[in-house]
Amino acid sequence: MMIYQYTQASIDHPDRCEDAVLVSQAPGYAPVFVVIDGMGGHQHQLADGEMLTGREAAQFLSTVLAAELGA
């Protein structure tokens, strides 16, 4: 199985990237293409007080999907 992950910062915000792309191709299965929009600028405060941004959310989802597709 091949899994590709890609992120690139925008010209407007070169210091951060809040989006991600994931492509998975398993033999015998249809390819999976995922575009993750990190919703730049949005923040959410977790129950423990930690702030979760669009960047962390996109990275987390990309990591979880890659692990699940690779299983």
PDB file of N, CA and C in Angstrom:
ATOM      1  N   MET A   1       0.840  -1.174   0.000  1.00  0.00           N
ATOM      2  CA  MET A   1       0.000   0.000   0.000  1.00  0.00           C
ATOM      3  C   MET A   1       0.882   1.232   0.000  1.00  0.00           C
ATOM      4  N   MET A   2       0.473   2.217  -0.781  1.00  0.00           N
ATOM      5  CA  MET A   2       1.194   3.483  -0.829  1.00  0.00           C
ATOM      6  C   MET A   2       0.281   4.577  -0.299  1.00  0.00           C
ATOM      7  N   ILE A   3       0.804   5.376   0.611  1.00  0.00           N
ATOM      8  CA  ILE A   3       0.055   6.510   1.154  1.00  0.00           C
ATOM      9  C   ILE A   3       0.926   7.745   0.996  1.00  0.00           C
ATOM     10  N   TYR A   4       0.372   8.760   0.394  1.00  0.00           N
ATOM     11  CA  TYR A   4       1.084  10.022   0.217  1.00  0.00           C
ATOM     12  C   TYR A   4       0.369  11.093   1.018  1.00  0.00           C
ATOM     13  N   GLN A   5       1.145  11.901   1.743  1.00  0.00           N
ATOM     14  CA  GLN A   5       0.591  13.042   2.465  1.00  0.00           C
ATOM     15  C   GLN A   5       1.316  14.279   1.969  1.00  0.00           C
ATOM     16  N   TYR A   6       0.588  15.373   1.857  1.00  0.00           N
ATOM     17  CA  TYR A   6       1.188  16.596   1.342  1.00  0.00           C
ATOM     18  C   TYR A   6       0.549  17.797   2.015  1.00  0.00           C
ATOM     19  N   THR A   7       1.372  18.746   2.397  1.00  0.00           N
ATOM     20  CA  THR A   7       0.884  20.025   2.894  1.00  0.00           C
ATOM     21  C   THR A   7       1.770  21.123   2.323  1.00  0.00           C
ATOM     22  N   GLN A   8       1.198  22.300   2.133  1.00  0.00           N
ATOM     23  CA  GLN A   8       1.979  23.438   1.670  1.00  0.00           C
ATOM     24  C   GLN A   8       1.340  24.711   2.193  1.00  0.00           C
ATOM     25  N   ALA A   9       2.153  25.573   2.740  1.00  0.00           N
ATOM     26  CA  ALA A   9       1.652  26.841   3.259  1.00  0.00           C
ATOM     27  C   ALA A   9       1.252  27.754   2.102  1.00  0.00           C
ATOM     28  N   SER A  10       0.340  28.664   2.379  1.00  0.00           N
ATOM     29  CA  SER A  10      -0.111  29.603   1.344  1.00  0.00           C
ATOM     30  C   SER A  10       0.858  30.773   1.242  1.00  0.00           C
ATOM     31  N   ILE A  11       0.729  31.520   0.173  1.00  0.00           N
ATOM     32  CA  ILE A  11       1.554  32.713  -0.017  1.00  0.00           C
ATOM     33  C   ILE A  11       1.215  33.749   1.043  1.00  0.00           C
ATOM     34  N   ASP A  12      -0.068  33.836   1.405  1.00  0.00           N
ATOM     35  CA  ASP A  12      -0.509  34.821   2.397  1.00  0.00           C
ATOM     36  C   ASP A  12      -0.007  34.505   3.802  1.00  0.00           C
ATOM     37  N   HIS A  13       0.160  33.205   4.111  1.00  0.00           N
ATOM     38  CA  HIS A  13       0.587  32.776   5.444  1.00  0.00           C
ATOM     39  C   HIS A  13       1.687  31.720   5.318  1.00  0.00           C
ATOM     40  N   PRO A  14       2.901  32.118   4.924  1.00  0.00           N
ATOM     41  CA  PRO A  14       3.971  31.138   4.700  1.00  0.00           C
ATOM     42  C   PRO A  14       4.470  30.466   5.976  1.00  0.00           C
ATOM     43  N   ASP A  15       4.108  31.005   7.134  1.00  0.00           N
ATOM     44  CA  ASP A  15       4.587  30.454   8.400  1.00  0.00           C
ATOM     45  C   ASP A  15       3.731  29.298   8.914  1.00  0.00           C
ATOM     46  N   ARG A  16       2.584  29.048   8.273  1.00  0.00           N
ATOM     47  CA  ARG A  16       1.740  27.960   8.762  1.00  0.00           C
ATOM     48  C   ARG A  16       0.934  27.350   7.612  1.00  0.00           C
ATOM     49  N   CYS A  17       0.605  26.099   7.766  1.00  0.00           N
ATOM     50  CA  CYS A  17      -0.224  25.395   6.802  1.00  0.00           C
ATOM     51  C   CYS A  17      -1.340  24.707   7.568  1.00  0.00           C
ATOM     52  N   GLU A  18      -2.572  25.016   7.242  1.00  0.00           N
ATOM     53  CA  GLU A  18      -3.706  24.467   7.970  1.00  0.00           C
ATOM     54  C   GLU A  18      -4.519  23.487   7.131  1.00  0.00           C
ATOM     55  N   ASP A  19      -4.022  23.132   5.958  1.00  0.00           N
ATOM     56  CA  ASP A  19      -4.711  22.196   5.088  1.00  0.00           C
ATOM     57  C   ASP A  19      -3.805  21.002   4.808  1.00  0.00           C
ATOM     58  N   ALA A  20      -4.396  19.907   4.358  1.00  0.00           N
ATOM     59  CA  ALA A  20      -3.612  18.716   4.042  1.00  0.00           C
ATOM     60  C   ALA A  20      -4.308  17.917   2.949  1.00  0.00           C
ATOM     61  N   VAL A  21      -3.530  17.129   2.227  1.00  0.00           N
ATOM     62  CA  VAL A  21      -4.039  16.238   1.194  1.00  0.00           C
ATOM     63  C   VAL A  21      -3.477  14.856   1.472  1.00  0.00           C
ATOM     64  N   LEU A  22      -4.305  13.835   1.315  1.00  0.00           N
ATOM     65  CA  LEU A  22      -3.890  12.453   1.548  1.00  0.00           C
ATOM     66  C   LEU A  22      -4.385  11.613   0.378  1.00  0.00           C
ATOM     67  N   VAL A  23      -3.507  10.788  -0.181  1.00  0.00           N
ATOM     68  CA  VAL A  23      -3.862   9.886  -1.266  1.00  0.00           C
ATOM     69  C   VAL A  23      -3.415   8.492  -0.875  1.00  0.00           C
ATOM     70  N   SER A  24      -4.318   7.529  -1.000  1.00  0.00           N
ATOM     71  CA  SER A  24      -4.005   6.144  -0.641  1.00  0.00           C
ATOM     72  C   SER A  24      -4.384   5.221  -1.789  1.00  0.00           C
ATOM     73  N   GLN A  25      -3.498   4.287  -2.112  1.00  0.00           N
ATOM     74  CA  GLN A  25      -3.787   3.307  -3.160  1.00  0.00           C
ATOM     75  C   GLN A  25      -3.397   1.931  -2.648  1.00  0.00           C
ATOM     76  N   ALA A  26      -4.390   1.120  -2.352  1.00  0.00           N
ATOM     77  CA  ALA A  26      -4.157  -0.251  -1.913  1.00  0.00           C
ATOM     78  C   ALA A  26      -4.434  -1.178  -3.089  1.00  0.00           C
ATOM     79  N   PRO A  27      -3.602  -2.189  -3.293  1.00  0.00           N
ATOM     80  CA  PRO A  27      -3.843  -3.124  -4.399  1.00  0.00           C
ATOM     81  C   PRO A  27      -5.237  -3.748  -4.298  1.00  0.00           C
ATOM     82  N   GLY A  28      -5.966  -3.717  -5.403  1.00  0.00           N
ATOM     83  CA  GLY A  28      -7.293  -4.317  -5.438  1.00  0.00           C
ATOM     84  C   GLY A  28      -8.408  -3.415  -4.955  1.00  0.00           C
ATOM     85  N   TYR A  29      -8.086  -2.221  -4.502  1.00  0.00           N
ATOM     86  CA  TYR A  29      -9.103  -1.289  -4.002  1.00  0.00           C
ATOM     87  C   TYR A  29      -9.038   0.010  -4.794  1.00  0.00           C
ATOM     88  N   ALA A  30     -10.129   0.727  -4.799  1.00  0.00           N
ATOM     89  CA  ALA A  30     -10.162   2.030  -5.452  1.00  0.00           C
ATOM     90  C   ALA A  30      -9.285   3.006  -4.667  1.00  0.00           C
ATOM     91  N   PRO A  31      -8.646   3.948  -5.350  1.00  0.00           N
ATOM     92  CA  PRO A  31      -7.833   4.934  -4.633  1.00  0.00           C
ATOM     93  C   PRO A  31      -8.712   5.830  -3.763  1.00  0.00           C
ATOM     94  N   VAL A  32      -8.131   6.325  -2.695  1.00  0.00           N
ATOM     95  CA  VAL A  32      -8.822   7.232  -1.779  1.00  0.00           C
ATOM     96  C   VAL A  32      -8.105   8.579  -1.830  1.00  0.00           C
ATOM     97  N   PHE A  33      -8.858   9.642  -2.082  1.00  0.00           N
ATOM     98  CA  PHE A  33      -8.323  10.996  -2.119  1.00  0.00           C
ATOM     99  C   PHE A  33      -9.020  11.797  -1.025  1.00  0.00           C
ATOM    100  N   VAL A  34      -8.249  12.420  -0.156  1.00  0.00           N
ATOM    101  CA  VAL A  34      -8.815  13.185   0.958  1.00  0.00           C
ATOM    102  C   VAL A  34      -8.220  14.591   0.950  1.00  0.00           C
ATOM    103  N   VAL A  35      -9.078  15.601   1.006  1.00  0.00           N
ATOM    104  CA  VAL A  35      -8.651  16.989   1.157  1.00  0.00           C
ATOM    105  C   VAL A  35      -9.157  17.450   2.514  1.00  0.00           C
ATOM    106  N   ILE A  36      -8.241  17.901   3.358  1.00  0.00           N
ATOM    107  CA  ILE A  36      -8.588  18.313   4.720  1.00  0.00           C
ATOM    108  C   ILE A  36      -8.415  19.825   4.823  1.00  0.00           C
ATOM    109  N   ASP A  37      -9.509  20.514   5.059  1.00  0.00           N
ATOM    110  CA  ASP A  37      -9.484  21.967   5.214  1.00  0.00           C
ATOM    111  C   ASP A  37      -9.376  22.279   6.695  1.00  0.00           C
ATOM    112  N   GLY A  38      -8.252  22.838   7.104  1.00  0.00           N
ATOM    113  CA  GLY A  38      -8.007  23.134   8.514  1.00  0.00           C
ATOM    114  C   GLY A  38      -8.754  24.346   9.037  1.00  0.00           C
ATOM    115  N   MET A  39      -9.560  24.999   8.205  1.00  0.00           N
ATOM    116  CA  MET A  39     -10.362  26.158   8.608  1.00  0.00           C
ATOM    117  C   MET A  39      -9.504  27.212   9.305  1.00  0.00           C
ATOM    118  N   GLY A  40      -8.579  27.745   8.556  1.00  0.00           N
ATOM    119  CA  GLY A  40      -7.627  28.726   9.067  1.00  0.00           C
ATOM    120  C   GLY A  40      -8.239  29.800   9.940  1.00  0.00           C
ATOM    121  N   GLY A  41      -7.566  30.058  11.043  1.00  0.00           N
ATOM    122  CA  GLY A  41      -8.003  31.093  11.966  1.00  0.00           C
ATOM    123  C   GLY A  41      -8.989  30.640  13.019  1.00  0.00           C
ATOM    124  N   HIS A  42      -9.609  29.495  12.832  1.00  0.00           N
ATOM    125  CA  HIS A  42     -10.561  28.998  13.821  1.00  0.00           C
ATOM    126  C   HIS A  42      -9.816  28.311  14.961  1.00  0.00           C
ATOM    127  N   GLN A  43     -10.317  28.505  16.155  1.00  0.00           N
ATOM    128  CA  GLN A  43      -9.727  27.873  17.335  1.00  0.00           C
ATOM    129  C   GLN A  43     -10.839  27.305  18.202  1.00  0.00           C
ATOM    130  N   HIS A  44     -10.503  26.257  18.938  1.00  0.00           N
ATOM    131  CA  HIS A  44     -11.458  25.636  19.845  1.00  0.00           C
ATOM    132  C   HIS A  44     -10.729  25.326  21.148  1.00  0.00           C
ATOM    133  N   GLN A  45     -11.330  25.689  22.255  1.00  0.00           N
ATOM    134  CA  GLN A  45     -10.732  25.402  23.547  1.00  0.00           C
ATOM    135  C   GLN A  45     -11.261  24.063  24.058  1.00  0.00           C
ATOM    136  N   LEU A  46     -10.333  23.143  24.334  1.00  0.00           N
ATOM    137  CA  LEU A  46     -10.694  21.829  24.843  1.00  0.00           C
ATOM    138  C   LEU A  46     -11.047  21.913  26.326  1.00  0.00           C
ATOM    139  N   ALA A  47     -11.623  20.854  26.869  1.00  0.00           N
ATOM    140  CA  ALA A  47     -12.044  20.823  28.269  1.00  0.00           C
ATOM    141  C   ALA A  47     -10.883  21.090  29.223  1.00  0.00           C
ATOM    142  N   ASP A  48      -9.663  20.680  28.829  1.00  0.00           N
ATOM    143  CA  ASP A  48      -8.502  20.886  29.705  1.00  0.00           C
ATOM    144  C   ASP A  48      -7.877  22.268  29.537  1.00  0.00           C
ATOM    145  N   GLY A  49      -8.487  23.119  28.696  1.00  0.00           N
ATOM    146  CA  GLY A  49      -7.996  24.473  28.500  1.00  0.00           C
ATOM    147  C   GLY A  49      -7.059  24.631  27.314  1.00  0.00           C
ATOM    148  N   GLU A  50      -6.620  23.522  26.730  1.00  0.00           N
ATOM    149  CA  GLU A  50      -5.720  23.577  25.577  1.00  0.00           C
ATOM    150  C   GLU A  50      -6.471  24.122  24.366  1.00  0.00           C
ATOM    151  N   MET A  51      -5.790  24.963  23.565  1.00  0.00           N
ATOM    152  CA  MET A  51      -6.390  25.515  22.360  1.00  0.00           C
ATOM    153  C   MET A  51      -6.065  24.610  21.174  1.00  0.00           C
ATOM    154  N   LEU A  52      -7.068  24.269  20.405  1.00  0.00           N
ATOM    155  CA  LEU A  52      -6.906  23.450  19.216  1.00  0.00           C
ATOM    156  C   LEU A  52      -7.176  24.338  18.007  1.00  0.00           C
ATOM    157  N   THR A  53      -6.200  24.417  17.102  1.00  0.00           N
ATOM    158  CA  THR A  53      -6.356  25.251  15.915  1.00  0.00           C
ATOM    159  C   THR A  53      -6.658  24.373  14.703  1.00  0.00           C
ATOM    160  N   GLY A  54      -6.980  25.013  13.593  1.00  0.00           N
ATOM    161  CA  GLY A  54      -7.234  24.292  12.360  1.00  0.00           C
ATOM    162  C   GLY A  54      -6.033  23.482  11.916  1.00  0.00           C
ATOM    163  N   ARG A  55      -4.845  23.996  12.192  1.00  0.00           N
ATOM    164  CA  ARG A  55      -3.622  23.287  11.807  1.00  0.00           C
ATOM    165  C   ARG A  55      -3.512  21.950  12.546  1.00  0.00           C
ATOM    166  N   GLU A  56      -3.688  21.978  13.862  1.00  0.00           N
ATOM    167  CA  GLU A  56      -3.609  20.735  14.648  1.00  0.00           C
ATOM    168  C   GLU A  56      -4.711  19.762  14.244  1.00  0.00           C
ATOM    169  N   ALA A  57      -5.903  20.277  13.973  1.00  0.00           N
ATOM    170  CA  ALA A  57      -7.013  19.415  13.581  1.00  0.00           C
ATOM    171  C   ALA A  57      -6.723  18.721  12.252  1.00  0.00           C
ATOM    172  N   ALA A  58      -6.198  19.459  11.269  1.00  0.00           N
ATOM    173  CA  ALA A  58      -5.882  18.879   9.964  1.00  0.00           C
ATOM    174  C   ALA A  58      -4.765  17.846  10.090  1.00  0.00           C
ATOM    175  N   GLN A  59      -3.733  18.149  10.881  1.00  0.00           N
ATOM    176  CA  GLN A  59      -2.633  17.208  11.062  1.00  0.00           C
ATOM    177  C   GLN A  59      -3.106  15.942  11.772  1.00  0.00           C
ATOM    178  N   PHE A  60      -3.949  16.102  12.784  1.00  0.00           N
ATOM    179  CA  PHE A  60      -4.464  14.950  13.513  1.00  0.00           C
ATOM    180  C   PHE A  60      -5.284  14.048  12.598  1.00  0.00           C
ATOM    181  N   LEU A  61      -6.194  14.649  11.846  1.00  0.00           N
ATOM    182  CA  LEU A  61      -7.047  13.862  10.953  1.00  0.00           C
ATOM    183  C   LEU A  61      -6.224  13.165   9.876  1.00  0.00           C
ATOM    184  N   SER A  62      -5.239  13.843   9.327  1.00  0.00           N
ATOM    185  CA  SER A  62      -4.372  13.237   8.317  1.00  0.00           C
ATOM    186  C   SER A  62      -3.615  12.040   8.886  1.00  0.00           C
ATOM    187  N   THR A  63      -3.107  12.162  10.092  1.00  0.00           N
ATOM    188  CA  THR A  63      -2.371  11.073  10.743  1.00  0.00           C
ATOM    189  C   THR A  63      -3.283   9.878  11.022  1.00  0.00           C
ATOM    190  N   VAL A  64      -4.473  10.147  11.537  1.00  0.00           N
ATOM    191  CA  VAL A  64      -5.418   9.062  11.852  1.00  0.00           C
ATOM    192  C   VAL A  64      -5.858   8.345  10.580  1.00  0.00           C
ATOM    193  N   LEU A  65      -6.197   9.090   9.541  1.00  0.00           N
ATOM    194  CA  LEU A  65      -6.622   8.475   8.285  1.00  0.00           C
ATOM    195  C   LEU A  65      -5.501   7.647   7.660  1.00  0.00           C
ATOM    196  N   ALA A  66      -4.271   8.160   7.683  1.00  0.00           N
ATOM    197  CA  ALA A  66      -3.145   7.415   7.126  1.00  0.00           C
ATOM    198  C   ALA A  66      -2.942   6.107   7.895  1.00  0.00           C
ATOM    199  N   ALA A  67      -3.070   6.150   9.209  1.00  0.00           N
ATOM    200  CA  ALA A  67      -2.903   4.938  10.017  1.00  0.00           C
ATOM    201  C   ALA A  67      -4.015   3.936   9.735  1.00  0.00           C
ATOM    202  N   GLU A  68      -5.247   4.406   9.624  1.00  0.00           N
ATOM    203  CA  GLU A  68      -6.379   3.518   9.373  1.00  0.00           C
ATOM    204  C   GLU A  68      -6.330   2.917   7.968  1.00  0.00           C
ATOM    205  N   LEU A  69      -5.952   3.713   6.988  1.00  0.00           N
ATOM    206  CA  LEU A  69      -5.876   3.216   5.619  1.00  0.00           C
ATOM    207  C   LEU A  69      -4.703   2.252   5.440  1.00  0.00           C
ATOM    208  N   GLY A  70      -3.671   2.439   6.252  1.00  0.00           N
ATOM    209  CA  GLY A  70      -2.502   1.562   6.162  1.00  0.00           C
ATOM    210  C   GLY A  70      -2.657   0.271   6.931  1.00  0.00           C
ATOM    211  N   ALA A  71      -3.720   0.153   7.739  1.00  0.00           N
ATOM    212  CA  ALA A  71      -3.917  -1.032   8.575  1.00  0.00           C
ATOM    213  C   ALA A  71      -4.367  -2.228   7.775  1.00  0.00           C
TER     214      ALA A  71
END
